[in-house]
N, C-alpha and C. Protein backbone atom coordinates (compact mmCIF):
# COMPACT_ATOMS: atom_id res chain seq x y z
N UNK A 1 5.92 3.40 13.59
CA UNK A 1 5.14 3.39 12.35
C UNK A 1 3.76 2.83 12.64
N UNK A 2 2.76 3.49 12.08
CA UNK A 2 1.40 2.97 12.17
C UNK A 2 0.90 2.66 10.76
N UNK A 3 -0.01 1.72 10.70
CA UNK A 3 -0.68 1.41 9.43
C UNK A 3 -2.16 1.67 9.65
N UNK A 4 -2.74 2.44 8.75
CA UNK A 4 -4.14 2.82 8.87
C UNK A 4 -4.75 2.93 7.49
N UNK A 5 -6.08 3.05 7.45
CA UNK A 5 -6.77 3.27 6.18
C UNK A 5 -6.17 4.50 5.51
N UNK A 6 -6.02 4.44 4.22
CA UNK A 6 -5.50 5.56 3.45
C UNK A 6 -6.44 6.75 3.59
N UNK A 7 -5.88 7.92 3.85
CA UNK A 7 -6.64 9.17 3.95
C UNK A 7 -6.45 9.98 2.67
N UNK A 8 -7.41 10.85 2.42
CA UNK A 8 -7.32 11.75 1.26
C UNK A 8 -6.01 12.55 1.28
N UNK A 9 -5.59 12.95 2.48
CA UNK A 9 -4.36 13.75 2.62
C UNK A 9 -3.10 12.97 2.23
N UNK A 10 -3.18 11.64 2.13
CA UNK A 10 -2.03 10.82 1.75
C UNK A 10 -1.80 10.82 0.25
N UNK A 11 -2.80 11.24 -0.52
CA UNK A 11 -2.79 11.04 -1.97
C UNK A 11 -1.53 11.59 -2.64
N UNK A 12 -1.19 12.83 -2.39
CA UNK A 12 -0.05 13.44 -3.09
C UNK A 12 1.28 12.81 -2.69
N UNK A 13 1.42 12.49 -1.40
CA UNK A 13 2.65 11.81 -0.97
C UNK A 13 2.78 10.45 -1.66
N UNK A 14 1.67 9.73 -1.77
CA UNK A 14 1.71 8.42 -2.43
C UNK A 14 2.02 8.58 -3.91
N UNK A 15 1.44 9.58 -4.54
CA UNK A 15 1.72 9.83 -5.95
C UNK A 15 3.23 10.05 -6.16
N UNK A 16 3.84 10.89 -5.33
CA UNK A 16 5.28 11.13 -5.43
C UNK A 16 6.07 9.85 -5.16
N UNK A 17 5.64 9.11 -4.16
CA UNK A 17 6.31 7.86 -3.79
C UNK A 17 6.30 6.87 -4.96
N UNK A 18 5.17 6.72 -5.63
CA UNK A 18 5.05 5.80 -6.77
C UNK A 18 6.01 6.23 -7.89
N UNK A 19 6.03 7.52 -8.18
CA UNK A 19 6.89 8.03 -9.25
C UNK A 19 8.37 7.87 -8.88
N UNK A 20 8.71 8.16 -7.61
CA UNK A 20 10.11 8.09 -7.17
C UNK A 20 10.69 6.68 -7.22
N UNK A 21 9.85 5.65 -7.21
CA UNK A 21 10.39 4.29 -7.30
C UNK A 21 11.04 4.06 -8.65
N UNK A 22 10.64 4.83 -9.66
CA UNK A 22 11.20 4.74 -11.02
C UNK A 22 11.05 3.35 -11.63
N UNK A 23 10.02 2.63 -11.21
CA UNK A 23 9.75 1.30 -11.74
C UNK A 23 8.53 1.31 -12.66
N UNK A 24 7.55 2.13 -12.33
CA UNK A 24 6.26 2.07 -13.00
C UNK A 24 6.18 3.00 -14.20
N UNK A 25 5.51 2.52 -15.24
CA UNK A 25 5.26 3.34 -16.43
C UNK A 25 4.21 4.40 -16.08
N UNK A 26 4.07 5.39 -16.95
CA UNK A 26 3.04 6.42 -16.75
C UNK A 26 1.66 5.79 -16.65
N UNK A 27 1.41 4.79 -17.49
CA UNK A 27 0.11 4.11 -17.47
C UNK A 27 -0.12 3.41 -16.14
N UNK A 28 0.91 2.76 -15.61
CA UNK A 28 0.78 2.09 -14.31
C UNK A 28 0.53 3.10 -13.19
N UNK A 29 1.24 4.22 -13.23
CA UNK A 29 1.03 5.27 -12.23
C UNK A 29 -0.41 5.76 -12.29
N UNK A 30 -0.92 5.97 -13.49
CA UNK A 30 -2.31 6.43 -13.65
C UNK A 30 -3.30 5.42 -13.09
N UNK A 31 -3.05 4.14 -13.32
CA UNK A 31 -3.95 3.10 -12.80
C UNK A 31 -3.91 3.08 -11.27
N UNK A 32 -2.72 3.17 -10.70
CA UNK A 32 -2.60 3.20 -9.24
C UNK A 32 -3.36 4.38 -8.66
N UNK A 33 -3.22 5.53 -9.28
CA UNK A 33 -3.91 6.73 -8.78
C UNK A 33 -5.42 6.63 -8.98
N UNK A 34 -5.84 5.98 -10.04
CA UNK A 34 -7.28 5.77 -10.28
C UNK A 34 -7.89 4.94 -9.14
N UNK A 35 -7.20 3.89 -8.71
CA UNK A 35 -7.71 3.07 -7.61
C UNK A 35 -7.73 3.86 -6.31
N UNK A 36 -6.72 4.68 -6.08
CA UNK A 36 -6.70 5.53 -4.90
C UNK A 36 -7.89 6.49 -4.92
N UNK A 37 -8.15 7.09 -6.07
CA UNK A 37 -9.28 8.02 -6.19
C UNK A 37 -10.62 7.32 -5.98
N UNK A 38 -10.75 6.11 -6.50
CA UNK A 38 -11.99 5.34 -6.27
C UNK A 38 -12.18 5.13 -4.78
N UNK A 39 -11.12 4.75 -4.09
CA UNK A 39 -11.20 4.50 -2.65
C UNK A 39 -11.56 5.78 -1.89
N UNK A 40 -10.93 6.88 -2.23
CA UNK A 40 -11.16 8.14 -1.53
C UNK A 40 -12.56 8.69 -1.81
N UNK A 41 -12.99 8.64 -3.07
CA UNK A 41 -14.23 9.30 -3.48
C UNK A 41 -15.48 8.45 -3.33
N UNK A 42 -15.32 7.17 -3.07
CA UNK A 42 -16.47 6.27 -2.93
C UNK A 42 -16.33 5.46 -1.65
N UNK A 43 -16.56 6.08 -0.51
CA UNK A 43 -16.31 5.40 0.76
C UNK A 43 -17.13 4.12 0.98
N UNK A 44 -18.21 3.96 0.26
CA UNK A 44 -19.05 2.76 0.43
C UNK A 44 -18.69 1.63 -0.53
N UNK A 45 -17.73 1.86 -1.43
CA UNK A 45 -17.34 0.80 -2.36
C UNK A 45 -16.70 -0.35 -1.58
N UNK A 46 -16.80 -1.54 -2.12
CA UNK A 46 -16.29 -2.73 -1.43
C UNK A 46 -15.22 -3.47 -2.24
N UNK A 47 -14.76 -2.86 -3.34
CA UNK A 47 -13.81 -3.54 -4.22
C UNK A 47 -12.36 -3.42 -3.77
N UNK A 48 -12.02 -2.33 -3.10
CA UNK A 48 -10.63 -2.06 -2.75
C UNK A 48 -10.52 -1.58 -1.31
N UNK A 49 -9.49 -2.06 -0.63
CA UNK A 49 -9.10 -1.54 0.68
C UNK A 49 -7.67 -1.05 0.54
N UNK A 50 -7.44 0.18 0.94
CA UNK A 50 -6.11 0.78 0.84
C UNK A 50 -5.64 1.22 2.22
N UNK A 51 -4.38 0.94 2.51
CA UNK A 51 -3.79 1.27 3.80
C UNK A 51 -2.47 1.98 3.57
N UNK A 52 -2.18 2.93 4.46
CA UNK A 52 -0.92 3.68 4.41
C UNK A 52 -0.08 3.34 5.63
N UNK A 53 1.23 3.26 5.43
CA UNK A 53 2.19 3.14 6.52
C UNK A 53 2.72 4.54 6.78
N UNK A 54 2.52 5.02 8.01
CA UNK A 54 2.82 6.41 8.35
C UNK A 54 3.81 6.47 9.50
N UNK A 55 4.79 7.36 9.36
CA UNK A 55 5.72 7.61 10.46
C UNK A 55 6.00 9.11 10.50
N UNK A 56 5.74 9.72 11.64
CA UNK A 56 5.95 11.16 11.81
C UNK A 56 5.27 11.97 10.71
N UNK A 57 4.06 11.57 10.34
CA UNK A 57 3.28 12.29 9.34
C UNK A 57 3.67 12.02 7.90
N UNK A 58 4.67 11.18 7.70
CA UNK A 58 5.15 10.87 6.35
C UNK A 58 4.65 9.50 5.91
N UNK A 59 4.19 9.41 4.67
CA UNK A 59 3.78 8.13 4.10
C UNK A 59 5.03 7.38 3.66
N UNK A 60 5.25 6.20 4.26
CA UNK A 60 6.40 5.37 3.91
C UNK A 60 6.04 4.31 2.87
N UNK A 61 4.74 4.04 2.74
CA UNK A 61 4.29 3.05 1.78
C UNK A 61 2.79 2.91 1.83
N UNK A 62 2.27 2.16 0.85
CA UNK A 62 0.85 1.88 0.86
C UNK A 62 0.61 0.54 0.20
N UNK A 63 -0.58 -0.01 0.47
CA UNK A 63 -0.97 -1.29 -0.09
C UNK A 63 -2.44 -1.22 -0.48
N UNK A 64 -2.78 -1.89 -1.57
CA UNK A 64 -4.15 -1.94 -2.08
C UNK A 64 -4.51 -3.40 -2.28
N UNK A 65 -5.57 -3.85 -1.59
CA UNK A 65 -6.05 -5.21 -1.72
C UNK A 65 -7.55 -5.18 -1.98
N UNK A 66 -8.10 -6.31 -2.37
CA UNK A 66 -9.54 -6.40 -2.54
C UNK A 66 -9.97 -7.82 -2.80
N UNK A 67 -11.23 -8.12 -2.45
CA UNK A 67 -11.74 -9.46 -2.72
C UNK A 67 -11.82 -9.71 -4.22
N UNK A 68 -11.43 -10.91 -4.62
CA UNK A 68 -11.49 -11.28 -6.03
C UNK A 68 -12.94 -11.61 -6.38
N UNK A 69 -13.52 -10.94 -7.37
CA UNK A 69 -14.92 -11.22 -7.73
C UNK A 69 -15.14 -12.70 -8.05
N UNK A 70 -16.32 -13.15 -7.74
CA UNK A 70 -16.83 -14.52 -7.95
C UNK A 70 -15.93 -15.61 -7.38
N UNK A 71 -15.28 -15.32 -6.25
CA UNK A 71 -14.52 -16.34 -5.53
C UNK A 71 -15.02 -16.39 -4.09
N UNK A 72 -14.67 -17.44 -3.40
CA UNK A 72 -15.01 -17.59 -1.99
C UNK A 72 -13.72 -17.49 -1.18
N UNK A 73 -13.40 -16.29 -0.74
CA UNK A 73 -12.26 -16.11 0.14
C UNK A 73 -10.94 -15.80 -0.52
N UNK A 74 -10.93 -15.56 -1.82
CA UNK A 74 -9.69 -15.18 -2.50
C UNK A 74 -9.62 -13.66 -2.59
N UNK A 75 -8.42 -13.14 -2.40
CA UNK A 75 -8.18 -11.70 -2.45
C UNK A 75 -7.01 -11.41 -3.37
N UNK A 76 -7.06 -10.24 -3.99
CA UNK A 76 -5.96 -9.77 -4.83
C UNK A 76 -5.17 -8.70 -4.09
N UNK A 77 -3.86 -8.77 -4.23
CA UNK A 77 -2.98 -7.71 -3.78
C UNK A 77 -2.68 -6.90 -5.04
N UNK A 78 -3.35 -5.77 -5.18
CA UNK A 78 -3.24 -4.98 -6.41
C UNK A 78 -1.97 -4.15 -6.46
N UNK A 79 -1.64 -3.52 -5.34
CA UNK A 79 -0.47 -2.63 -5.30
C UNK A 79 0.17 -2.68 -3.93
N UNK A 80 1.47 -2.66 -3.92
CA UNK A 80 2.24 -2.38 -2.71
C UNK A 80 3.45 -1.57 -3.18
N UNK A 81 3.62 -0.40 -2.58
CA UNK A 81 4.73 0.48 -2.94
C UNK A 81 5.31 1.03 -1.64
N UNK A 82 6.63 0.97 -1.55
CA UNK A 82 7.33 1.49 -0.37
C UNK A 82 8.33 2.54 -0.84
N UNK A 83 8.41 3.60 -0.06
CA UNK A 83 9.36 4.68 -0.35
C UNK A 83 10.76 4.10 -0.51
N UNK A 84 11.48 4.54 -1.52
CA UNK A 84 12.80 3.98 -1.83
C UNK A 84 13.72 4.01 -0.61
N UNK A 85 13.74 5.11 0.13
CA UNK A 85 14.62 5.21 1.31
C UNK A 85 14.20 4.28 2.44
N UNK A 86 13.01 3.69 2.34
CA UNK A 86 12.53 2.76 3.38
C UNK A 86 12.65 1.30 2.96
N UNK A 87 13.17 1.05 1.76
CA UNK A 87 13.36 -0.34 1.33
C UNK A 87 14.29 -1.06 2.30
N UNK A 88 13.97 -2.32 2.59
CA UNK A 88 14.81 -3.13 3.46
C UNK A 88 14.65 -2.84 4.94
N UNK A 89 13.68 -2.02 5.31
CA UNK A 89 13.47 -1.66 6.71
C UNK A 89 12.21 -2.27 7.31
N UNK A 90 11.59 -3.20 6.59
CA UNK A 90 10.43 -3.91 7.12
C UNK A 90 9.08 -3.27 6.84
N UNK A 91 9.06 -2.16 6.13
CA UNK A 91 7.79 -1.47 5.85
C UNK A 91 6.90 -2.35 4.97
N UNK A 92 7.46 -2.88 3.90
CA UNK A 92 6.68 -3.73 3.00
C UNK A 92 6.16 -4.96 3.69
N UNK A 93 7.00 -5.60 4.49
CA UNK A 93 6.58 -6.80 5.22
C UNK A 93 5.44 -6.48 6.18
N UNK A 94 5.54 -5.36 6.88
CA UNK A 94 4.48 -4.97 7.81
C UNK A 94 3.18 -4.65 7.08
N UNK A 95 3.28 -4.00 5.92
CA UNK A 95 2.08 -3.74 5.13
C UNK A 95 1.42 -5.04 4.69
N UNK A 96 2.23 -6.00 4.24
CA UNK A 96 1.70 -7.30 3.82
C UNK A 96 1.05 -8.01 5.00
N UNK A 97 1.71 -8.03 6.15
CA UNK A 97 1.14 -8.69 7.32
C UNK A 97 -0.18 -8.03 7.72
N UNK A 98 -0.24 -6.72 7.65
CA UNK A 98 -1.48 -6.00 7.96
C UNK A 98 -2.57 -6.42 6.99
N UNK A 99 -2.24 -6.48 5.71
CA UNK A 99 -3.22 -6.88 4.69
C UNK A 99 -3.66 -8.32 4.90
N UNK A 100 -2.73 -9.21 5.21
CA UNK A 100 -3.09 -10.61 5.45
C UNK A 100 -4.05 -10.73 6.62
N UNK A 101 -3.79 -9.97 7.69
CA UNK A 101 -4.69 -9.99 8.85
C UNK A 101 -6.07 -9.46 8.47
N UNK A 102 -6.12 -8.43 7.65
CA UNK A 102 -7.39 -7.89 7.18
C UNK A 102 -8.15 -8.93 6.37
N UNK A 103 -7.45 -9.63 5.50
CA UNK A 103 -8.07 -10.68 4.69
C UNK A 103 -8.63 -11.77 5.60
N UNK A 104 -7.85 -12.19 6.59
CA UNK A 104 -8.29 -13.25 7.49
C UNK A 104 -9.51 -12.83 8.31
N UNK A 105 -9.54 -11.57 8.74
CA UNK A 105 -10.70 -11.08 9.50
C UNK A 105 -11.97 -11.15 8.68
N UNK A 106 -11.82 -11.13 7.37
CA UNK A 106 -12.97 -11.22 6.46
C UNK A 106 -13.13 -12.64 5.90
N UNK A 107 -12.59 -13.62 6.63
CA UNK A 107 -12.65 -15.04 6.24
C UNK A 107 -12.01 -15.31 4.89
N UNK A 108 -11.05 -14.49 4.52
CA UNK A 108 -10.28 -14.76 3.31
C UNK A 108 -9.31 -15.90 3.56
N UNK A 109 -8.99 -16.61 2.51
CA UNK A 109 -8.11 -17.77 2.66
C UNK A 109 -6.90 -17.73 1.75
N UNK A 110 -6.90 -16.83 0.76
CA UNK A 110 -5.81 -16.77 -0.21
C UNK A 110 -5.58 -15.33 -0.63
N UNK A 111 -4.31 -14.92 -0.62
CA UNK A 111 -3.93 -13.60 -1.11
C UNK A 111 -3.00 -13.81 -2.30
N UNK A 112 -3.36 -13.21 -3.43
CA UNK A 112 -2.66 -13.42 -4.70
C UNK A 112 -2.07 -12.10 -5.18
N UNK A 113 -0.81 -12.16 -5.63
CA UNK A 113 -0.13 -10.98 -6.19
C UNK A 113 0.39 -11.33 -7.57
N UNK A 114 0.18 -10.43 -8.51
CA UNK A 114 0.68 -10.63 -9.87
C UNK A 114 1.79 -9.62 -10.14
N UNK A 115 2.81 -10.07 -10.86
CA UNK A 115 3.88 -9.15 -11.24
C UNK A 115 4.49 -9.59 -12.56
N UNK A 116 5.39 -8.79 -13.03
CA UNK A 116 6.04 -8.99 -14.33
C UNK A 116 7.37 -9.71 -14.16
N UNK A 117 7.79 -10.36 -15.23
CA UNK A 117 9.11 -11.02 -15.24
C UNK A 117 10.23 -10.06 -15.62
N UNK A 118 9.91 -8.81 -15.92
CA UNK A 118 10.95 -7.85 -16.28
C UNK A 118 11.98 -7.72 -15.16
N UNK A 119 13.21 -7.48 -15.53
CA UNK A 119 14.31 -7.36 -14.57
C UNK A 119 14.01 -6.30 -13.50
N UNK A 120 13.35 -5.21 -13.89
CA UNK A 120 13.09 -4.14 -12.92
C UNK A 120 12.16 -4.59 -11.79
N UNK A 121 11.49 -5.73 -11.94
CA UNK A 121 10.62 -6.27 -10.90
C UNK A 121 11.27 -7.42 -10.13
N UNK A 122 12.56 -7.68 -10.36
CA UNK A 122 13.24 -8.78 -9.67
C UNK A 122 13.17 -8.63 -8.16
N UNK A 123 13.42 -7.43 -7.64
CA UNK A 123 13.36 -7.23 -6.18
C UNK A 123 11.97 -7.52 -5.64
N UNK A 124 10.95 -7.18 -6.40
CA UNK A 124 9.57 -7.46 -5.99
C UNK A 124 9.35 -8.96 -5.91
N UNK A 125 9.79 -9.68 -6.92
CA UNK A 125 9.61 -11.15 -6.92
C UNK A 125 10.36 -11.78 -5.75
N UNK A 126 11.57 -11.33 -5.50
CA UNK A 126 12.35 -11.86 -4.38
C UNK A 126 11.70 -11.53 -3.04
N UNK A 127 11.11 -10.35 -2.94
CA UNK A 127 10.40 -9.95 -1.73
C UNK A 127 9.26 -10.91 -1.44
N UNK A 128 8.43 -11.21 -2.44
CA UNK A 128 7.31 -12.13 -2.23
C UNK A 128 7.80 -13.48 -1.73
N UNK A 129 8.85 -13.99 -2.31
CA UNK A 129 9.38 -15.30 -1.88
C UNK A 129 9.92 -15.23 -0.45
N UNK A 130 10.61 -14.14 -0.11
CA UNK A 130 11.17 -13.98 1.24
C UNK A 130 10.11 -13.97 2.32
N UNK A 131 8.93 -13.42 2.01
CA UNK A 131 7.90 -13.29 3.04
C UNK A 131 6.89 -14.44 3.00
N UNK A 132 7.24 -15.52 2.32
CA UNK A 132 6.42 -16.73 2.41
C UNK A 132 5.43 -16.96 1.31
N UNK A 133 5.51 -16.19 0.24
CA UNK A 133 4.63 -16.42 -0.91
C UNK A 133 5.28 -17.44 -1.83
N UNK A 134 4.46 -18.19 -2.53
CA UNK A 134 4.94 -19.19 -3.48
C UNK A 134 4.56 -18.77 -4.89
N UNK A 135 5.40 -19.12 -5.85
CA UNK A 135 5.05 -18.88 -7.24
C UNK A 135 4.00 -19.92 -7.63
N UNK A 136 2.80 -19.46 -7.94
CA UNK A 136 1.69 -20.36 -8.26
C UNK A 136 1.55 -20.61 -9.75
N UNK A 137 1.93 -19.63 -10.56
CA UNK A 137 1.76 -19.78 -12.01
C UNK A 137 2.63 -18.77 -12.75
N UNK A 138 2.90 -19.11 -13.99
CA UNK A 138 3.63 -18.21 -14.88
C UNK A 138 2.99 -18.33 -16.26
N UNK A 139 2.67 -17.19 -16.84
CA UNK A 139 2.10 -17.17 -18.19
C UNK A 139 3.09 -16.43 -19.08
N UNK A 140 3.70 -17.17 -19.98
CA UNK A 140 4.71 -16.59 -20.87
C UNK A 140 4.11 -15.54 -21.79
N UNK A 141 4.89 -14.51 -22.06
CA UNK A 141 4.53 -13.46 -23.03
C UNK A 141 3.16 -12.84 -22.74
N UNK A 142 2.79 -12.73 -21.49
CA UNK A 142 1.48 -12.22 -21.10
C UNK A 142 1.33 -10.72 -21.38
N UNK A 143 2.25 -9.93 -20.86
CA UNK A 143 2.17 -8.48 -21.03
C UNK A 143 2.60 -8.06 -22.43
N UNK A 144 3.64 -8.72 -22.91
CA UNK A 144 4.14 -8.55 -24.28
C UNK A 144 5.16 -9.67 -24.49
N UNK A 145 5.61 -9.84 -25.70
CA UNK A 145 6.59 -10.89 -25.97
C UNK A 145 7.82 -10.64 -25.09
N UNK A 146 8.19 -11.66 -24.33
CA UNK A 146 9.33 -11.56 -23.44
C UNK A 146 9.03 -11.02 -22.06
N UNK A 147 7.78 -10.70 -21.79
CA UNK A 147 7.38 -10.16 -20.48
C UNK A 147 6.26 -11.05 -19.93
N UNK A 148 6.65 -11.96 -19.05
CA UNK A 148 5.72 -12.95 -18.50
C UNK A 148 4.96 -12.40 -17.30
N UNK A 149 3.79 -12.96 -17.07
CA UNK A 149 3.02 -12.72 -15.85
C UNK A 149 3.43 -13.79 -14.85
N UNK A 150 3.82 -13.39 -13.66
CA UNK A 150 4.15 -14.33 -12.59
C UNK A 150 3.17 -14.09 -11.45
N UNK A 151 2.51 -15.16 -11.03
CA UNK A 151 1.49 -15.07 -9.99
C UNK A 151 2.03 -15.73 -8.72
N UNK A 152 2.03 -14.95 -7.64
CA UNK A 152 2.44 -15.43 -6.33
C UNK A 152 1.21 -15.50 -5.45
N UNK A 153 1.23 -16.40 -4.48
CA UNK A 153 0.11 -16.50 -3.57
C UNK A 153 0.52 -17.05 -2.23
N UNK A 154 -0.34 -16.79 -1.27
CA UNK A 154 -0.14 -17.32 0.08
C UNK A 154 -1.50 -17.71 0.64
N UNK A 155 -1.59 -18.96 1.07
CA UNK A 155 -2.80 -19.44 1.73
C UNK A 155 -2.71 -19.04 3.19
N UNK A 156 -3.79 -18.48 3.70
CA UNK A 156 -3.80 -17.92 5.05
C UNK A 156 -4.63 -18.78 5.98
N UNK A 157 -4.34 -18.69 7.26
CA UNK A 157 -5.11 -19.38 8.29
C UNK A 157 -6.36 -18.58 8.61
N UNK A 158 -7.49 -19.26 8.69
CA UNK A 158 -8.72 -18.63 9.16
C UNK A 158 -9.49 -19.66 9.98
N UNK A 159 -10.46 -19.20 10.73
CA UNK A 159 -11.35 -20.11 11.46
C UNK A 159 -12.03 -21.06 10.48
N UNK A 160 -12.34 -20.54 9.31
CA UNK A 160 -13.07 -21.31 8.31
C UNK A 160 -12.19 -22.39 7.66
N UNK A 161 -10.94 -22.06 7.35
CA UNK A 161 -10.11 -23.00 6.60
C UNK A 161 -9.09 -23.74 7.45
N UNK A 162 -8.74 -23.20 8.62
CA UNK A 162 -7.67 -23.79 9.41
C UNK A 162 -6.32 -23.50 8.76
N UNK A 163 -5.24 -24.02 9.37
CA UNK A 163 -3.92 -23.75 8.80
C UNK A 163 -3.71 -24.52 7.51
N UNK A 164 -2.94 -23.95 6.62
CA UNK A 164 -2.63 -24.62 5.36
C UNK A 164 -1.19 -25.08 5.42
N UNK A 165 -1.00 -26.38 5.55
CA UNK A 165 0.35 -26.92 5.70
C UNK A 165 1.07 -27.09 4.37
N UNK A 166 0.35 -26.97 3.26
CA UNK A 166 0.97 -27.17 1.95
C UNK A 166 2.14 -26.21 1.77
N UNK A 167 1.96 -24.96 2.17
CA UNK A 167 3.01 -23.96 2.00
C UNK A 167 3.72 -23.65 3.31
N UNK A 168 3.45 -24.47 4.36
CA UNK A 168 4.09 -24.26 5.65
C UNK A 168 3.93 -22.81 6.09
N UNK A 169 2.72 -22.31 5.90
CA UNK A 169 2.41 -20.92 6.20
C UNK A 169 2.58 -20.66 7.69
N UNK A 170 3.27 -19.60 8.03
CA UNK A 170 3.48 -19.28 9.44
C UNK A 170 2.63 -18.11 9.89
N UNK A 171 1.43 -17.99 9.31
CA UNK A 171 0.45 -16.98 9.77
C UNK A 171 0.98 -15.58 9.58
N UNK A 172 1.61 -15.34 8.43
CA UNK A 172 2.09 -14.00 8.10
C UNK A 172 3.25 -13.55 8.97
N UNK A 173 3.99 -14.51 9.52
CA UNK A 173 5.14 -14.16 10.33
C UNK A 173 4.80 -13.80 11.76
N UNK A 174 3.55 -13.98 12.14
CA UNK A 174 3.17 -13.60 13.51
C UNK A 174 3.03 -14.81 14.39
């Protein structure tokens, strides 16, 4: 498996992959595709970096990250989606590690992921905890009554910040 910048040719496979997860609403699918289109159609934009995990010409997953506006070294993990048949095979972890390394190369120090408290996102929340992210905050009834926003984050090692022992970060597992 290789991880590389998302190509225009990946778009339709990623669209199918997002839908096949059966987790995202139509509105969420549209937002994900909008970010992909921004990345593809505006090569000079600096808001989003998208990467695809590819094996034998097939997209197994993708990740979308970007620097958080008006911060010094904070990044958002906007999307990570892995093909259902590839769940549990390390694709998501490798995409996250690739993204963390990209953030560190740009002197980033924190990668933040937001998700929902809905049951359908339980595997996502457990995944973040398994790969070394900590729950940083929870905002009750954020998306709607009974649907909380849960914010996960991981402080990363960089030349600028050094290692962060608060979360016993192991440098993205490397």
